[in-house]
PDB file of N, CA and C in Angstrom:
ATOM      1  N   MET A   1       0.818  -1.191   0.000  1.00  0.00           N
ATOM      2  CA  MET A   1       0.000   0.000   0.000  1.00  0.00           C
ATOM      3  C   MET A   1       0.866   1.261   0.000  1.00  0.00           C
ATOM      4  N   ASN A   2       2.027   1.184   0.581  1.00  0.00           N
ATOM      5  CA  ASN A   2       2.889   2.363   0.627  1.00  0.00           C
ATOM      6  C   ASN A   2       3.455   2.703  -0.755  1.00  0.00           C
ATOM      7  N   ILE A   3       3.557   1.691  -1.619  1.00  0.00           N
ATOM      8  CA  ILE A   3       4.120   1.935  -2.941  1.00  0.00           C
ATOM      9  C   ILE A   3       3.196   2.822  -3.776  1.00  0.00           C
ATOM     10  N   ILE A   4       1.897   2.753  -3.520  1.00  0.00           N
ATOM     11  CA  ILE A   4       0.949   3.599  -4.249  1.00  0.00           C
ATOM     12  C   ILE A   4       1.198   5.069  -3.941  1.00  0.00           C
ATOM     13  N   ALA A   5       1.594   5.368  -2.728  1.00  0.00           N
ATOM     14  CA  ALA A   5       1.883   6.748  -2.348  1.00  0.00           C
ATOM     15  C   ALA A   5       3.105   7.280  -3.103  1.00  0.00           C
ATOM     16  N   ILE A   6       3.926   6.397  -3.596  1.00  0.00           N
ATOM     17  CA  ILE A   6       5.094   6.812  -4.377  1.00  0.00           C
ATOM     18  C   ILE A   6       4.757   6.809  -5.871  1.00  0.00           C
ATOM     19  N   LEU A   7       4.063   5.785  -6.334  1.00  0.00           N
ATOM     20  CA  LEU A   7       3.807   5.638  -7.765  1.00  0.00           C
ATOM     21  C   LEU A   7       2.844   6.687  -8.330  1.00  0.00           C
ATOM     22  N   ILE A   8       1.845   7.090  -7.575  1.00  0.00           N
ATOM     23  CA  ILE A   8       0.894   8.081  -8.080  1.00  0.00           C
ATOM     24  C   ILE A   8       1.579   9.433  -8.333  1.00  0.00           C
ATOM     25  N   PRO A   9       2.354   9.970  -7.390  1.00  0.00           N
ATOM     26  CA  PRO A   9       3.046  11.234  -7.702  1.00  0.00           C
ATOM     27  C   PRO A   9       4.065  11.102  -8.839  1.00  0.00           C
ATOM     28  N   VAL A  10       4.738   9.960  -8.917  1.00  0.00           N
ATOM     29  CA  VAL A  10       5.699   9.749 -10.005  1.00  0.00           C
ATOM     30  C   VAL A  10       4.974   9.725 -11.347  1.00  0.00           C
ATOM     31  N   ALA A  11       3.840   9.055 -11.414  1.00  0.00           N
ATOM     32  CA  ALA A  11       3.056   9.003 -12.649  1.00  0.00           C
ATOM     33  C   ALA A  11       2.546  10.390 -13.028  1.00  0.00           C
ATOM     34  N   LEU A  12       2.080  11.154 -12.061  1.00  0.00           N
ATOM     35  CA  LEU A  12       1.614  12.508 -12.342  1.00  0.00           C
ATOM     36  C   LEU A  12       2.754  13.402 -12.816  1.00  0.00           C
ATOM     37  N   LEU A  13       3.924  13.241 -12.230  1.00  0.00           N
ATOM     38  CA  LEU A  13       5.086  14.027 -12.632  1.00  0.00           C
ATOM     39  C   LEU A  13       5.504  13.687 -14.062  1.00  0.00           C
ATOM     40  N   LEU A  14       5.547  12.410 -14.392  1.00  0.00           N
ATOM     41  CA  LEU A  14       5.908  12.007 -15.749  1.00  0.00           C
ATOM     42  C   LEU A  14       4.872  12.485 -16.769  1.00  0.00           C
ATOM     43  N   GLY A  15       3.620  12.428 -16.413  1.00  0.00           N
ATOM     44  CA  GLY A  15       2.571  12.931 -17.297  1.00  0.00           C
ATOM     45  C   GLY A  15       2.689  14.428 -17.515  1.00  0.00           C
ATOM     46  N   ALA A  16       2.984  15.169 -16.456  1.00  0.00           N
ATOM     47  CA  ALA A  16       3.164  16.615 -16.576  1.00  0.00           C
ATOM     48  C   ALA A  16       4.389  16.948 -17.419  1.00  0.00           C
ATOM     49  N   LEU A  17       5.461  16.179 -17.289  1.00  0.00           N
ATOM     50  CA  LEU A  17       6.650  16.401 -18.108  1.00  0.00           C
ATOM     51  C   LEU A  17       6.361  16.134 -19.587  1.00  0.00           C
ATOM     52  N   GLY A  18       5.626  15.086 -19.863  1.00  0.00           N
ATOM     53  CA  GLY A  18       5.250  14.789 -21.246  1.00  0.00           C
ATOM     54  C   GLY A  18       4.368  15.878 -21.836  1.00  0.00           C
ATOM     55  N   LEU A  19       3.419  16.361 -21.065  1.00  0.00           N
ATOM     56  CA  LEU A  19       2.546  17.433 -21.527  1.00  0.00           C
ATOM     57  C   LEU A  19       3.339  18.715 -21.761  1.00  0.00           C
ATOM     58  N   ALA A  20       4.269  19.022 -20.858  1.00  0.00           N
ATOM     59  CA  ALA A  20       5.100  20.216 -21.018  1.00  0.00           C
ATOM     60  C   ALA A  20       5.978  20.110 -22.265  1.00  0.00           C
ATOM     61  N   ALA A  21       6.537  18.935 -22.532  1.00  0.00           N
ATOM     62  CA  ALA A  21       7.358  18.746 -23.725  1.00  0.00           C
ATOM     63  C   ALA A  21       6.516  18.895 -24.990  1.00  0.00           C
ATOM     64  N   PHE A  22       5.300  18.395 -24.970  1.00  0.00           N
ATOM     65  CA  PHE A  22       4.404  18.519 -26.124  1.00  0.00           C
ATOM     66  C   PHE A  22       4.034  19.974 -26.380  1.00  0.00           C
ATOM     67  N   ILE A  23       3.683  20.702 -25.332  1.00  0.00           N
ATOM     68  CA  ILE A  23       3.334  22.113 -25.482  1.00  0.00           C
ATOM     69  C   ILE A  23       4.534  22.911 -25.965  1.00  0.00           C
ATOM     70  N   TRP A  24       5.718  22.624 -25.447  1.00  0.00           N
ATOM     71  CA  TRP A  24       6.930  23.303 -25.907  1.00  0.00           C
ATOM     72  C   TRP A  24       7.161  23.050 -27.389  1.00  0.00           C
ATOM     73  N   SER A  25       6.978  21.799 -27.831  1.00  0.00           N
ATOM     74  CA  SER A  25       7.220  21.485 -29.239  1.00  0.00           C
ATOM     75  C   SER A  25       6.223  22.191 -30.145  1.00  0.00           C
ATOM     76  N   ILE A  26       5.006  22.373 -29.705  1.00  0.00           N
ATOM     77  CA  ILE A  26       4.024  23.099 -30.507  1.00  0.00           C
ATOM     78  C   ILE A  26       4.386  24.578 -30.573  1.00  0.00           C
ATOM     79  N   ARG A  27       4.773  25.160 -29.450  1.00  0.00           N
ATOM     80  CA  ARG A  27       5.093  26.593 -29.426  1.00  0.00           C
ATOM     81  C   ARG A  27       6.352  26.928 -30.212  1.00  0.00           C
ATOM     82  N   THR A  28       7.282  25.994 -30.339  1.00  0.00           N
ATOM     83  CA  THR A  28       8.511  26.276 -31.077  1.00  0.00           C
ATOM     84  C   THR A  28       8.392  25.926 -32.555  1.00  0.00           C
ATOM     85  N   GLY A  29       7.213  25.489 -32.991  1.00  0.00           N
ATOM     86  CA  GLY A  29       6.981  25.284 -34.420  1.00  0.00           C
ATOM     87  C   GLY A  29       7.441  23.945 -34.952  1.00  0.00           C
ATOM     88  N   GLN A  30       7.518  22.934 -34.128  1.00  0.00           N
ATOM     89  CA  GLN A  30       7.968  21.629 -34.594  1.00  0.00           C
ATOM     90  C   GLN A  30       6.974  20.978 -35.548  1.00  0.00           C
ATOM     91  N   TYR A  31       5.702  21.339 -35.462  1.00  0.00           N
ATOM     92  CA  TYR A  31       4.676  20.713 -36.282  1.00  0.00           C
ATOM     93  C   TYR A  31       4.130  21.652 -37.352  1.00  0.00           C
ATOM     94  N   ASP A  32       4.824  22.736 -37.657  1.00  0.00           N
ATOM     95  CA  ASP A  32       4.300  23.710 -38.605  1.00  0.00           C
ATOM     96  C   ASP A  32       4.264  23.189 -40.037  1.00  0.00           C
ATOM     97  N   ASP A  33       5.314  22.553 -40.495  1.00  0.00           N
ATOM     98  CA  ASP A  33       5.407  22.138 -41.894  1.00  0.00           C
ATOM     99  C   ASP A  33       5.715  20.646 -41.970  1.00  0.00           C
ATOM    100  N   LEU A  34       4.677  19.841 -41.906  1.00  0.00           N
ATOM    101  CA  LEU A  34       4.879  18.393 -41.911  1.00  0.00           C
ATOM    102  C   LEU A  34       5.156  17.851 -43.309  1.00  0.00           C
ATOM    103  N   ASP A  35       4.624  18.499 -44.337  1.00  0.00           N
ATOM    104  CA  ASP A  35       4.776  17.995 -45.702  1.00  0.00           C
ATOM    105  C   ASP A  35       5.991  18.570 -46.413  1.00  0.00           C
ATOM    106  N   GLY A  36       6.540  19.654 -45.926  1.00  0.00           N
ATOM    107  CA  GLY A  36       7.635  20.317 -46.616  1.00  0.00           C
ATOM    108  C   GLY A  36       8.871  19.450 -46.761  1.00  0.00           C
ATOM    109  N   ALA A  37       9.287  18.787 -45.705  1.00  0.00           N
ATOM    110  CA  ALA A  37      10.485  17.954 -45.773  1.00  0.00           C
ATOM    111  C   ALA A  37      10.281  16.768 -46.710  1.00  0.00           C
ATOM    112  N   ALA A  38       9.093  16.205 -46.712  1.00  0.00           N
ATOM    113  CA  ALA A  38       8.822  15.073 -47.592  1.00  0.00           C
ATOM    114  C   ALA A  38       8.849  15.501 -49.056  1.00  0.00           C
ATOM    115  N   ARG A  39       8.379  16.695 -49.340  1.00  0.00           N
ATOM    116  CA  ARG A  39       8.378  17.169 -50.725  1.00  0.00           C
ATOM    117  C   ARG A  39       9.750  17.651 -51.161  1.00  0.00           C
ATOM    118  N   ARG A  40      10.537  18.186 -50.243  1.00  0.00           N
ATOM    119  CA  ARG A  40      11.876  18.672 -50.594  1.00  0.00           C
ATOM    120  C   ARG A  40      12.783  17.543 -51.056  1.00  0.00           C
ATOM    121  N   ILE A  41      12.534  16.341 -50.581  1.00  0.00           N
ATOM    122  CA  ILE A  41      13.343  15.202 -51.019  1.00  0.00           C
ATOM    123  C   ILE A  41      13.153  14.965 -52.514  1.00  0.00           C
ATOM    124  N   LEU A  42      11.954  15.196 -53.001  1.00  0.00           N
ATOM    125  CA  LEU A  42      11.635  14.899 -54.387  1.00  0.00           C
ATOM    126  C   LEU A  42      12.080  15.991 -55.356  1.00  0.00           C
ATOM    127  N   ILE A  43      12.362  17.185 -54.860  1.00  0.00           N
ATOM    128  CA  ILE A  43      12.754  18.293 -55.730  1.00  0.00           C
ATOM    129  C   ILE A  43      14.230  18.171 -56.058  1.00  0.00           C
ATOM    130  N   ASP A  44      14.532  18.218 -57.342  1.00  0.00           N
ATOM    131  CA  ASP A  44      15.913  18.123 -57.791  1.00  0.00           C
ATOM    132  C   ASP A  44      16.510  19.526 -57.833  1.00  0.00           C
ATOM    133  N   ASP A  45      17.524  19.787 -57.014  1.00  0.00           N
ATOM    134  CA  ASP A  45      18.137  21.108 -56.954  1.00  0.00           C
ATOM    135  C   ASP A  45      19.164  21.334 -58.049  1.00  0.00           C
ATOM    136  N   ASP A  46      19.655  20.266 -58.664  1.00  0.00           N
ATOM    137  CA  ASP A  46      20.648  20.406 -59.717  1.00  0.00           C
ATOM    138  C   ASP A  46      19.984  20.949 -60.978  1.00  0.00           C
ATOM    139  N   PRO A  47      20.664  21.858 -61.675  1.00  0.00           N
ATOM    140  CA  PRO A  47      20.069  22.348 -62.925  1.00  0.00           C
ATOM    141  C   PRO A  47      19.978  21.217 -63.944  1.00  0.00           C
ATOM    142  N   ALA A  48      18.982  21.297 -64.772  1.00  0.00           N
ATOM    143  CA  ALA A  48      18.792  20.260 -65.797  1.00  0.00           C
ATOM    144  C   ALA A  48      19.924  20.335 -66.809  1.00  0.00           C
ATOM    145  N   ASP A  49      20.273  19.195 -67.359  1.00  0.00           N
ATOM    146  CA  ASP A  49      21.308  19.153 -68.386  1.00  0.00           C
ATOM    147  C   ASP A  49      20.813  19.922 -69.612  1.00  0.00           C
ATOM    148  N   PRO A  50      21.699  20.693 -70.255  1.00  0.00           N
ATOM    149  CA  PRO A  50      21.267  21.413 -71.463  1.00  0.00           C
ATOM    150  C   PRO A  50      20.941  20.404 -72.560  1.00  0.00           C
ATOM    151  N   PRO A  51      19.984  20.751 -73.388  1.00  0.00           N
ATOM    152  CA  PRO A  51      19.601  19.818 -74.456  1.00  0.00           C
ATOM    153  C   PRO A  51      20.778  19.636 -75.434  1.00  0.00           C
ATOM    154  N   ALA A  52      20.872  18.458 -75.941  1.00  0.00           N
ATOM    155  CA  ALA A  52      21.961  18.146 -76.890  1.00  0.00           C
ATOM    156  C   ALA A  52      21.694  18.842 -78.211  1.00  0.00           C
ATOM    157  N   GLU A  53      22.750  19.401 -78.798  1.00  0.00           N
ATOM    158  CA  GLU A  53      22.603  20.090 -80.082  1.00  0.00           C
ATOM    159  C   GLU A  53      22.559  19.057 -81.202  1.00  0.00           C
ATOM    160  N   GLN A  54      21.724  19.307 -82.198  1.00  0.00           N
ATOM    161  CA  GLN A  54      21.590  18.344 -83.292  1.00  0.00           C
ATOM    162  C   GLN A  54      22.200  18.876 -84.542  1.00  0.00           C
TER     163      GLN A  54
END
């Protein structure tokens, strides 16, 4: 029974830390552009080869 007196505050503390980390990540813009990185992989930054002269 004494272990419950320890586990409940520890669980509440861990939950509060997780919530604080989530709120911090939202405020710092971690979730602003979810699709941008995925699309940037597909964009070719190298200039296209010039067409061959005939």
